[in-house]
Amino acid sequence: MGPGAVGLREWGILAHCRIRTCARMTFAVHDVPSPCIKVCRLDPVTGQCTGCLRTMDEIAGWLDLTVAEKQRVLARLQERRRQAVSNA
């Protein structure tokens, strides 16, 4: 884990999301897959996961979002990735 990063396990999020995601994926094959890449660390400066770049609200609310809302989150993630590359 990098300096200043907080593991999402410490927030009690990762285990909760895995259980709900697995159960949900069994029944919602047509749903938008989670962008989680299993590198779950929260950057305290940006408030984003260093793996998938989602915010805590986006991670916690993922299963409750509609397909359209999930697609909007994915579009925001693409923009965040572009910004991260241009700032590097």
PDB file of N, CA and C in Angstrom:
ATOM      1  N   MET A   1       0.858  -1.174   0.000  1.00  0.00           N
ATOM      2  CA  MET A   1       0.000   0.000   0.000  1.00  0.00           C
ATOM      3  C   MET A   1       0.901   1.232   0.000  1.00  0.00           C
ATOM      4  N   GLY A   2       0.603   2.194  -0.853  1.00  0.00           N
ATOM      5  CA  GLY A   2       1.425   3.394  -0.976  1.00  0.00           C
ATOM      6  C   GLY A   2       1.269   4.330   0.206  1.00  0.00           C
ATOM      7  N   PRO A   3       2.169   5.293   0.307  1.00  0.00           N
ATOM      8  CA  PRO A   3       2.103   6.238   1.418  1.00  0.00           C
ATOM      9  C   PRO A   3       0.803   7.037   1.381  1.00  0.00           C
ATOM     10  N   GLY A   4       0.143   7.122   2.497  1.00  0.00           N
ATOM     11  CA  GLY A   4      -1.086   7.895   2.609  1.00  0.00           C
ATOM     12  C   GLY A   4      -2.328   7.187   2.118  1.00  0.00           C
ATOM     13  N   ALA A   5      -2.177   6.027   1.505  1.00  0.00           N
ATOM     14  CA  ALA A   5      -3.348   5.299   1.004  1.00  0.00           C
ATOM     15  C   ALA A   5      -3.988   4.518   2.147  1.00  0.00           C
ATOM     16  N   VAL A   6      -5.280   4.450   2.112  1.00  0.00           N
ATOM     17  CA  VAL A   6      -6.031   3.721   3.133  1.00  0.00           C
ATOM     18  C   VAL A   6      -6.711   2.542   2.454  1.00  0.00           C
ATOM     19  N   GLY A   7      -6.452   1.338   2.945  1.00  0.00           N
ATOM     20  CA  GLY A   7      -7.098   0.163   2.359  1.00  0.00           C
ATOM     21  C   GLY A   7      -8.592   0.194   2.615  1.00  0.00           C
ATOM     22  N   LEU A   8      -9.378  -0.155   1.600  1.00  0.00           N
ATOM     23  CA  LEU A   8     -10.826  -0.125   1.749  1.00  0.00           C
ATOM     24  C   LEU A   8     -11.308  -1.180   2.734  1.00  0.00           C
ATOM     25  N   ARG A   9     -10.499  -2.205   2.970  1.00  0.00           N
ATOM     26  CA  ARG A   9     -10.870  -3.186   3.990  1.00  0.00           C
ATOM     27  C   ARG A   9     -10.999  -2.495   5.354  1.00  0.00           C
ATOM     28  N   GLU A  10     -10.150  -1.502   5.581  1.00  0.00           N
ATOM     29  CA  GLU A  10     -10.203  -0.767   6.842  1.00  0.00           C
ATOM     30  C   GLU A  10     -11.508   0.000   6.974  1.00  0.00           C
ATOM     31  N   TRP A  11     -12.128   0.322   5.881  1.00  0.00           N
ATOM     32  CA  TRP A  11     -13.401   1.040   5.898  1.00  0.00           C
ATOM     33  C   TRP A  11     -14.570   0.074   5.962  1.00  0.00           C
ATOM     34  N   GLY A  12     -14.287  -1.236   5.868  1.00  0.00           N
ATOM     35  CA  GLY A  12     -15.357  -2.223   5.914  1.00  0.00           C
ATOM     36  C   GLY A  12     -16.144  -2.295   4.617  1.00  0.00           C
ATOM     37  N   ILE A  13     -15.540  -1.883   3.516  1.00  0.00           N
ATOM     38  CA  ILE A  13     -16.264  -1.802   2.255  1.00  0.00           C
ATOM     39  C   ILE A  13     -16.007  -3.024   1.388  1.00  0.00           C
ATOM     40  N   LEU A  14     -14.750  -3.461   1.288  1.00  0.00           N
ATOM     41  CA  LEU A  14     -14.406  -4.500   0.325  1.00  0.00           C
ATOM     42  C   LEU A  14     -15.186  -5.785   0.556  1.00  0.00           C
ATOM     43  N   ALA A  15     -15.209  -6.284   1.761  1.00  0.00           N
ATOM     44  CA  ALA A  15     -15.914  -7.540   2.031  1.00  0.00           C
ATOM     45  C   ALA A  15     -17.399  -7.386   1.737  1.00  0.00           C
ATOM     46  N   HIS A  16     -17.980  -6.267   2.116  1.00  0.00           N
ATOM     47  CA  HIS A  16     -19.398  -6.004   1.875  1.00  0.00           C
ATOM     48  C   HIS A  16     -19.689  -6.006   0.373  1.00  0.00           C
ATOM     49  N   CYS A  17     -18.864  -5.336  -0.407  1.00  0.00           N
ATOM     50  CA  CYS A  17     -19.090  -5.242  -1.844  1.00  0.00           C
ATOM     51  C   CYS A  17     -18.926  -6.589  -2.522  1.00  0.00           C
ATOM     52  N   ARG A  18     -17.930  -7.362  -2.111  1.00  0.00           N
ATOM     53  CA  ARG A  18     -17.718  -8.664  -2.738  1.00  0.00           C
ATOM     54  C   ARG A  18     -18.921  -9.572  -2.549  1.00  0.00           C
ATOM     55  N   ILE A  19     -19.443  -9.606  -1.354  1.00  0.00           N
ATOM     56  CA  ILE A  19     -20.579 -10.481  -1.084  1.00  0.00           C
ATOM     57  C   ILE A  19     -21.785 -10.058  -1.904  1.00  0.00           C
ATOM     58  N   ARG A  20     -22.102  -8.769  -1.882  1.00  0.00           N
ATOM     59  CA  ARG A  20     -23.265  -8.276  -2.627  1.00  0.00           C
ATOM     60  C   ARG A  20     -23.045  -8.387  -4.132  1.00  0.00           C
ATOM     61  N   THR A  21     -21.822  -8.111  -4.606  1.00  0.00           N
ATOM     62  CA  THR A  21     -21.554  -8.179  -6.033  1.00  0.00           C
ATOM     63  C   THR A  21     -21.725  -9.607  -6.539  1.00  0.00           C
ATOM     64  N   CYS A  22     -21.164 -10.570  -5.823  1.00  0.00           N
ATOM     65  CA  CYS A  22     -21.275 -11.961  -6.262  1.00  0.00           C
ATOM     66  C   CYS A  22     -22.739 -12.380  -6.340  1.00  0.00           C
ATOM     67  N   ALA A  23     -23.510 -12.052  -5.332  1.00  0.00           N
ATOM     68  CA  ALA A  23     -24.924 -12.419  -5.324  1.00  0.00           C
ATOM     69  C   ALA A  23     -25.655 -11.707  -6.450  1.00  0.00           C
ATOM     70  N   ARG A  24     -25.349 -10.459  -6.673  1.00  0.00           N
ATOM     71  CA  ARG A  24     -26.034  -9.673  -7.697  1.00  0.00           C
ATOM     72  C   ARG A  24     -25.673 -10.161  -9.091  1.00  0.00           C
ATOM     73  N   MET A  25     -24.405 -10.477  -9.314  1.00  0.00           N
ATOM     74  CA  MET A  25     -23.969 -10.893 -10.639  1.00  0.00           C
ATOM     75  C   MET A  25     -24.624 -12.207 -11.056  1.00  0.00           C
ATOM     76  N   THR A  26     -24.946 -13.031 -10.104  1.00  0.00           N
ATOM     77  CA  THR A  26     -25.614 -14.289 -10.408  1.00  0.00           C
ATOM     78  C   THR A  26     -26.962 -14.040 -11.073  1.00  0.00           C
ATOM     79  N   PHE A  27     -27.639 -12.975 -10.650  1.00  0.00           N
ATOM     80  CA  PHE A  27     -28.987 -12.721 -11.127  1.00  0.00           C
ATOM     81  C   PHE A  27     -29.076 -11.599 -12.154  1.00  0.00           C
ATOM     82  N   ALA A  28     -28.039 -10.789 -12.287  1.00  0.00           N
ATOM     83  CA  ALA A  28     -28.109  -9.626 -13.169  1.00  0.00           C
ATOM     84  C   ALA A  28     -27.024  -9.694 -14.233  1.00  0.00           C
ATOM     85  N   VAL A  29     -27.104 -10.672 -15.091  1.00  0.00           N
ATOM     86  CA  VAL A  29     -26.091 -10.860 -16.122  1.00  0.00           C
ATOM     87  C   VAL A  29     -26.045  -9.675 -17.077  1.00  0.00           C
ATOM     88  N   HIS A  30     -27.162  -9.032 -17.342  1.00  0.00           N
ATOM     89  CA  HIS A  30     -27.236  -7.906 -18.273  1.00  0.00           C
ATOM     90  C   HIS A  30     -26.719  -6.608 -17.665  1.00  0.00           C
ATOM     91  N   ASP A  31     -26.409  -6.616 -16.394  1.00  0.00           N
ATOM     92  CA  ASP A  31     -25.983  -5.412 -15.697  1.00  0.00           C
ATOM     93  C   ASP A  31     -24.570  -5.004 -16.131  1.00  0.00           C
ATOM     94  N   VAL A  32     -24.217  -3.754 -15.856  1.00  0.00           N
ATOM     95  CA  VAL A  32     -22.891  -3.227 -16.152  1.00  0.00           C
ATOM     96  C   VAL A  32     -21.912  -3.780 -15.110  1.00  0.00           C
ATOM     97  N   PRO A  33     -20.816  -4.424 -15.535  1.00  0.00           N
ATOM     98  CA  PRO A  33     -19.875  -4.975 -14.566  1.00  0.00           C
ATOM     99  C   PRO A  33     -19.150  -3.875 -13.791  1.00  0.00           C
ATOM    100  N   SER A  34     -18.784  -4.189 -12.588  1.00  0.00           N
ATOM    101  CA  SER A  34     -18.059  -3.247 -11.749  1.00  0.00           C
ATOM    102  C   SER A  34     -16.687  -2.953 -12.346  1.00  0.00           C
ATOM    103  N   PRO A  35     -16.234  -1.702 -12.250  1.00  0.00           N
ATOM    104  CA  PRO A  35     -14.900  -1.365 -12.740  1.00  0.00           C
ATOM    105  C   PRO A  35     -13.790  -1.735 -11.750  1.00  0.00           C
ATOM    106  N   CYS A  36     -14.143  -2.362 -10.650  1.00  0.00           N
ATOM    107  CA  CYS A  36     -13.151  -2.741  -9.634  1.00  0.00           C
ATOM    108  C   CYS A  36     -12.091  -3.645 -10.255  1.00  0.00           C
ATOM    109  N   ILE A  37     -10.805  -3.337  -9.978  1.00  0.00           N
ATOM    110  CA  ILE A  37      -9.709  -4.165 -10.468  1.00  0.00           C
ATOM    111  C   ILE A  37      -8.965  -4.830  -9.313  1.00  0.00           C
ATOM    112  N   LYS A  38      -9.596  -4.860  -8.141  1.00  0.00           N
ATOM    113  CA  LYS A  38      -9.074  -5.530  -6.949  1.00  0.00           C
ATOM    114  C   LYS A  38      -7.782  -4.893  -6.415  1.00  0.00           C
ATOM    115  N   VAL A  39      -7.617  -3.590  -6.677  1.00  0.00           N
ATOM    116  CA  VAL A  39      -6.530  -2.806  -6.088  1.00  0.00           C
ATOM    117  C   VAL A  39      -7.222  -1.737  -5.252  1.00  0.00           C
ATOM    118  N   CYS A  40      -7.685  -2.129  -4.093  1.00  0.00           N
ATOM    119  CA  CYS A  40      -8.591  -1.294  -3.300  1.00  0.00           C
ATOM    120  C   CYS A  40      -7.841  -0.485  -2.248  1.00  0.00           C
ATOM    121  N   ARG A  41      -7.491   0.735  -2.623  1.00  0.00           N
ATOM    122  CA  ARG A  41      -6.833   1.665  -1.698  1.00  0.00           C
ATOM    123  C   ARG A  41      -7.425   3.046  -1.930  1.00  0.00           C
ATOM    124  N   LEU A  42      -7.773   3.702  -0.861  1.00  0.00           N
ATOM    125  CA  LEU A  42      -8.363   5.033  -0.973  1.00  0.00           C
ATOM    126  C   LEU A  42      -7.274   6.087  -0.820  1.00  0.00           C
ATOM    127  N   ASP A  43      -7.153   6.956  -1.793  1.00  0.00           N
ATOM    128  CA  ASP A  43      -6.202   8.059  -1.726  1.00  0.00           C
ATOM    129  C   ASP A  43      -6.841   9.165  -0.898  1.00  0.00           C
ATOM    130  N   PRO A  44      -6.226   9.527   0.231  1.00  0.00           N
ATOM    131  CA  PRO A  44      -6.840  10.533   1.104  1.00  0.00           C
ATOM    132  C   PRO A  44      -6.867  11.935   0.494  1.00  0.00           C
ATOM    133  N   VAL A  45      -6.031  12.195  -0.491  1.00  0.00           N
ATOM    134  CA  VAL A  45      -6.000  13.522  -1.125  1.00  0.00           C
ATOM    135  C   VAL A  45      -7.137  13.666  -2.133  1.00  0.00           C
ATOM    136  N   THR A  46      -7.284  12.672  -3.011  1.00  0.00           N
ATOM    137  CA  THR A  46      -8.307  12.755  -4.062  1.00  0.00           C
ATOM    138  C   THR A  46      -9.649  12.187  -3.607  1.00  0.00           C
ATOM    139  N   GLY A  47      -9.631  11.303  -2.595  1.00  0.00           N
ATOM    140  CA  GLY A  47     -10.858  10.640  -2.169  1.00  0.00           C
ATOM    141  C   GLY A  47     -11.288   9.543  -3.124  1.00  0.00           C
ATOM    142  N   GLN A  48     -10.364   9.111  -3.977  1.00  0.00           N
ATOM    143  CA  GLN A  48     -10.665   8.087  -4.978  1.00  0.00           C
ATOM    144  C   GLN A  48      -9.861   6.827  -4.719  1.00  0.00           C
ATOM    145  N   CYS A  49     -10.418   5.701  -5.128  1.00  0.00           N
ATOM    146  CA  CYS A  49      -9.697   4.437  -5.075  1.00  0.00           C
ATOM    147  C   CYS A  49      -8.544   4.519  -6.073  1.00  0.00           C
ATOM    148  N   THR A  50      -7.351   4.108  -5.657  1.00  0.00           N
ATOM    149  CA  THR A  50      -6.204   4.166  -6.566  1.00  0.00           C
ATOM    150  C   THR A  50      -6.282   3.089  -7.649  1.00  0.00           C
ATOM    151  N   GLY A  51      -7.133   2.099  -7.474  1.00  0.00           N
ATOM    152  CA  GLY A  51      -7.293   1.047  -8.480  1.00  0.00           C
ATOM    153  C   GLY A  51      -8.279   1.426  -9.562  1.00  0.00           C
ATOM    154  N   CYS A  52      -9.531   1.672  -9.170  1.00  0.00           N
ATOM    155  CA  CYS A  52     -10.593   1.922 -10.164  1.00  0.00           C
ATOM    156  C   CYS A  52     -10.928   3.408 -10.326  1.00  0.00           C
ATOM    157  N   LEU A  53     -10.412   4.243  -9.451  1.00  0.00           N
ATOM    158  CA  LEU A  53     -10.617   5.700  -9.469  1.00  0.00           C
ATOM    159  C   LEU A  53     -12.015   6.148  -9.062  1.00  0.00           C
ATOM    160  N   ARG A  54     -12.805   5.228  -8.500  1.00  0.00           N
ATOM    161  CA  ARG A  54     -14.128   5.645  -8.029  1.00  0.00           C
ATOM    162  C   ARG A  54     -14.014   6.284  -6.651  1.00  0.00           C
ATOM    163  N   THR A  55     -14.975   7.138  -6.347  1.00  0.00           N
ATOM    164  CA  THR A  55     -15.068   7.726  -5.014  1.00  0.00           C
ATOM    165  C   THR A  55     -15.747   6.726  -4.077  1.00  0.00           C
ATOM    166  N   MET A  56     -15.697   6.999  -2.790  1.00  0.00           N
ATOM    167  CA  MET A  56     -16.362   6.119  -1.828  1.00  0.00           C
ATOM    168  C   MET A  56     -17.860   6.031  -2.122  1.00  0.00           C
ATOM    169  N   ASP A  57     -18.487   7.145  -2.458  1.00  0.00           N
ATOM    170  CA  ASP A  57     -19.919   7.138  -2.782  1.00  0.00           C
ATOM    171  C   ASP A  57     -20.205   6.282  -4.010  1.00  0.00           C
ATOM    172  N   GLU A  58     -19.344   6.382  -5.023  1.00  0.00           N
ATOM    173  CA  GLU A  58     -19.543   5.582  -6.233  1.00  0.00           C
ATOM    174  C   GLU A  58     -19.363   4.089  -5.958  1.00  0.00           C
ATOM    175  N   ILE A  59     -18.404   3.757  -5.099  1.00  0.00           N
ATOM    176  CA  ILE A  59     -18.177   2.350  -4.750  1.00  0.00           C
ATOM    177  C   ILE A  59     -19.347   1.815  -3.930  1.00  0.00           C
ATOM    178  N   ALA A  60     -19.691   2.536  -2.889  1.00  0.00           N
ATOM    179  CA  ALA A  60     -20.745   2.073  -1.978  1.00  0.00           C
ATOM    180  C   ALA A  60     -22.104   1.993  -2.651  1.00  0.00           C
ATOM    181  N   GLY A  61     -22.375   2.872  -3.603  1.00  0.00           N
ATOM    182  CA  GLY A  61     -23.683   2.908  -4.234  1.00  0.00           C
ATOM    183  C   GLY A  61     -23.794   2.131  -5.537  1.00  0.00           C
ATOM    184  N   TRP A  62     -22.708   1.498  -5.982  1.00  0.00           N
ATOM    185  CA  TRP A  62     -22.679   0.860  -7.293  1.00  0.00           C
ATOM    186  C   TRP A  62     -23.852  -0.090  -7.531  1.00  0.00           C
ATOM    187  N   LEU A  63     -24.134  -0.945  -6.574  1.00  0.00           N
ATOM    188  CA  LEU A  63     -25.184  -1.948  -6.774  1.00  0.00           C
ATOM    189  C   LEU A  63     -26.582  -1.343  -6.859  1.00  0.00           C
ATOM    190  N   ASP A  64     -26.749  -0.147  -6.346  1.00  0.00           N
ATOM    191  CA  ASP A  64     -28.062   0.499  -6.365  1.00  0.00           C
ATOM    192  C   ASP A  64     -28.269   1.413  -7.576  1.00  0.00           C
ATOM    193  N   LEU A  65     -27.206   1.634  -8.367  1.00  0.00           N
ATOM    194  CA  LEU A  65     -27.312   2.512  -9.530  1.00  0.00           C
ATOM    195  C   LEU A  65     -28.030   1.808 -10.679  1.00  0.00           C
ATOM    196  N   THR A  66     -28.704   2.588 -11.488  1.00  0.00           N
ATOM    197  CA  THR A  66     -29.306   2.049 -12.700  1.00  0.00           C
ATOM    198  C   THR A  66     -28.203   1.824 -13.729  1.00  0.00           C
ATOM    199  N   VAL A  67     -28.515   1.133 -14.808  1.00  0.00           N
ATOM    200  CA  VAL A  67     -27.540   0.910 -15.870  1.00  0.00           C
ATOM    201  C   VAL A  67     -27.045   2.250 -16.415  1.00  0.00           C
ATOM    202  N   ALA A  68     -27.948   3.185 -16.633  1.00  0.00           N
ATOM    203  CA  ALA A  68     -27.562   4.505 -17.150  1.00  0.00           C
ATOM    204  C   ALA A  68     -26.640   5.246 -16.180  1.00  0.00           C
ATOM    205  N   GLU A  69     -26.925   5.150 -14.884  1.00  0.00           N
ATOM    206  CA  GLU A  69     -26.079   5.803 -13.879  1.00  0.00           C
ATOM    207  C   GLU A  69     -24.692   5.164 -13.846  1.00  0.00           C
ATOM    208  N   LYS A  70     -24.639   3.849 -13.963  1.00  0.00           N
ATOM    209  CA  LYS A  70     -23.345   3.155 -13.990  1.00  0.00           C
ATOM    210  C   LYS A  70     -22.545   3.570 -15.221  1.00  0.00           C
ATOM    211  N   GLN A  71     -23.208   3.727 -16.342  1.00  0.00           N
ATOM    212  CA  GLN A  71     -22.525   4.162 -17.558  1.00  0.00           C
ATOM    213  C   GLN A  71     -21.973   5.574 -17.399  1.00  0.00           C
ATOM    214  N   ARG A  72     -22.693   6.431 -16.691  1.00  0.00           N
ATOM    215  CA  ARG A  72     -22.184   7.788 -16.422  1.00  0.00           C
ATOM    216  C   ARG A  72     -20.959   7.742 -15.516  1.00  0.00           C
ATOM    217  N   VAL A  73     -20.980   6.854 -14.520  1.00  0.00           N
ATOM    218  CA  VAL A  73     -19.808   6.690 -13.646  1.00  0.00           C
ATOM    219  C   VAL A  73     -18.624   6.228 -14.493  1.00  0.00           C
ATOM    220  N   LEU A  74     -18.827   5.247 -15.369  1.00  0.00           N
ATOM    221  CA  LEU A  74     -17.745   4.751 -16.218  1.00  0.00           C
ATOM    222  C   LEU A  74     -17.186   5.852 -17.111  1.00  0.00           C
ATOM    223  N   ALA A  75     -18.047   6.733 -17.601  1.00  0.00           N
ATOM    224  CA  ALA A  75     -17.588   7.863 -18.414  1.00  0.00           C
ATOM    225  C   ALA A  75     -16.730   8.811 -17.574  1.00  0.00           C
ATOM    226  N   ARG A  76     -17.144   9.059 -16.334  1.00  0.00           N
ATOM    227  CA  ARG A  76     -16.338   9.905 -15.435  1.00  0.00           C
ATOM    228  C   ARG A  76     -14.987   9.258 -15.165  1.00  0.00           C
ATOM    229  N   LEU A  77     -14.964   7.937 -15.025  1.00  0.00           N
ATOM    230  CA  LEU A  77     -13.705   7.230 -14.768  1.00  0.00           C
ATOM    231  C   LEU A  77     -12.750   7.370 -15.943  1.00  0.00           C
ATOM    232  N   GLN A  78     -13.277   7.310 -17.163  1.00  0.00           N
ATOM    233  CA  GLN A  78     -12.431   7.508 -18.340  1.00  0.00           C
ATOM    234  C   GLN A  78     -11.799   8.895 -18.319  1.00  0.00           C
ATOM    235  N   GLU A  79     -12.580   9.891 -17.959  1.00  0.00           N
ATOM    236  CA  GLU A  79     -12.055  11.260 -17.877  1.00  0.00           C
ATOM    237  C   GLU A  79     -11.006  11.364 -16.772  1.00  0.00           C
ATOM    238  N   ARG A  80     -11.245  10.744 -15.633  1.00  0.00           N
ATOM    239  CA  ARG A  80     -10.257  10.759 -14.546  1.00  0.00           C
ATOM    240  C   ARG A  80      -8.950  10.101 -14.981  1.00  0.00           C
ATOM    241  N   ARG A  81      -9.041   9.003 -15.729  1.00  0.00           N
ATOM    242  CA  ARG A  81      -7.836   8.335 -16.229  1.00  0.00           C
ATOM    243  C   ARG A  81      -7.083   9.253 -17.191  1.00  0.00           C
ATOM    244  N   ARG A  82      -7.807   9.911 -18.088  1.00  0.00           N
ATOM    245  CA  ARG A  82      -7.175  10.848 -19.032  1.00  0.00           C
ATOM    246  C   ARG A  82      -6.454  11.959 -18.265  1.00  0.00           C
ATOM    247  N   GLN A  83      -7.104  12.515 -17.261  1.00  0.00           N
ATOM    248  CA  GLN A  83      -6.492  13.576 -16.471  1.00  0.00           C
ATOM    249  C   GLN A  83      -5.267  13.084 -15.726  1.00  0.00           C
ATOM    250  N   ALA A  84      -5.341  11.869 -15.188  1.00  0.00           N
ATOM    251  CA  ALA A  84      -4.210  11.305 -14.436  1.00  0.00           C
ATOM    252  C   ALA A  84      -3.003  11.123 -15.358  1.00  0.00           C
ATOM    253  N   VAL A  85      -3.242  10.683 -16.596  1.00  0.00           N
ATOM    254  CA  VAL A  85      -2.157  10.480 -17.550  1.00  0.00           C
ATOM    255  C   VAL A  85      -1.563  11.821 -17.955  1.00  0.00           C
ATOM    256  N   SER A  86      -2.409  12.819 -18.195  1.00  0.00           N
ATOM    257  CA  SER A  86      -1.898  14.125 -18.621  1.00  0.00           C
ATOM    258  C   SER A  86      -1.186  14.864 -17.490  1.00  0.00           C
ATOM    259  N   ASN A  87      -1.521  14.539 -16.235  1.00  0.00           N
ATOM    260  CA  ASN A  87      -0.853  15.176 -15.095  1.00  0.00           C
ATOM    261  C   ASN A  87       0.424  14.457 -14.679  1.00  0.00           C
ATOM    262  N   ALA A  88       0.666  13.274 -15.242  1.00  0.00           N
ATOM    263  CA  ALA A  88       1.842  12.484 -14.853  1.00  0.00           C
ATOM    264  C   ALA A  88       3.112  12.989 -15.483  1.00  0.00           C
TER     265      ALA A  88
END
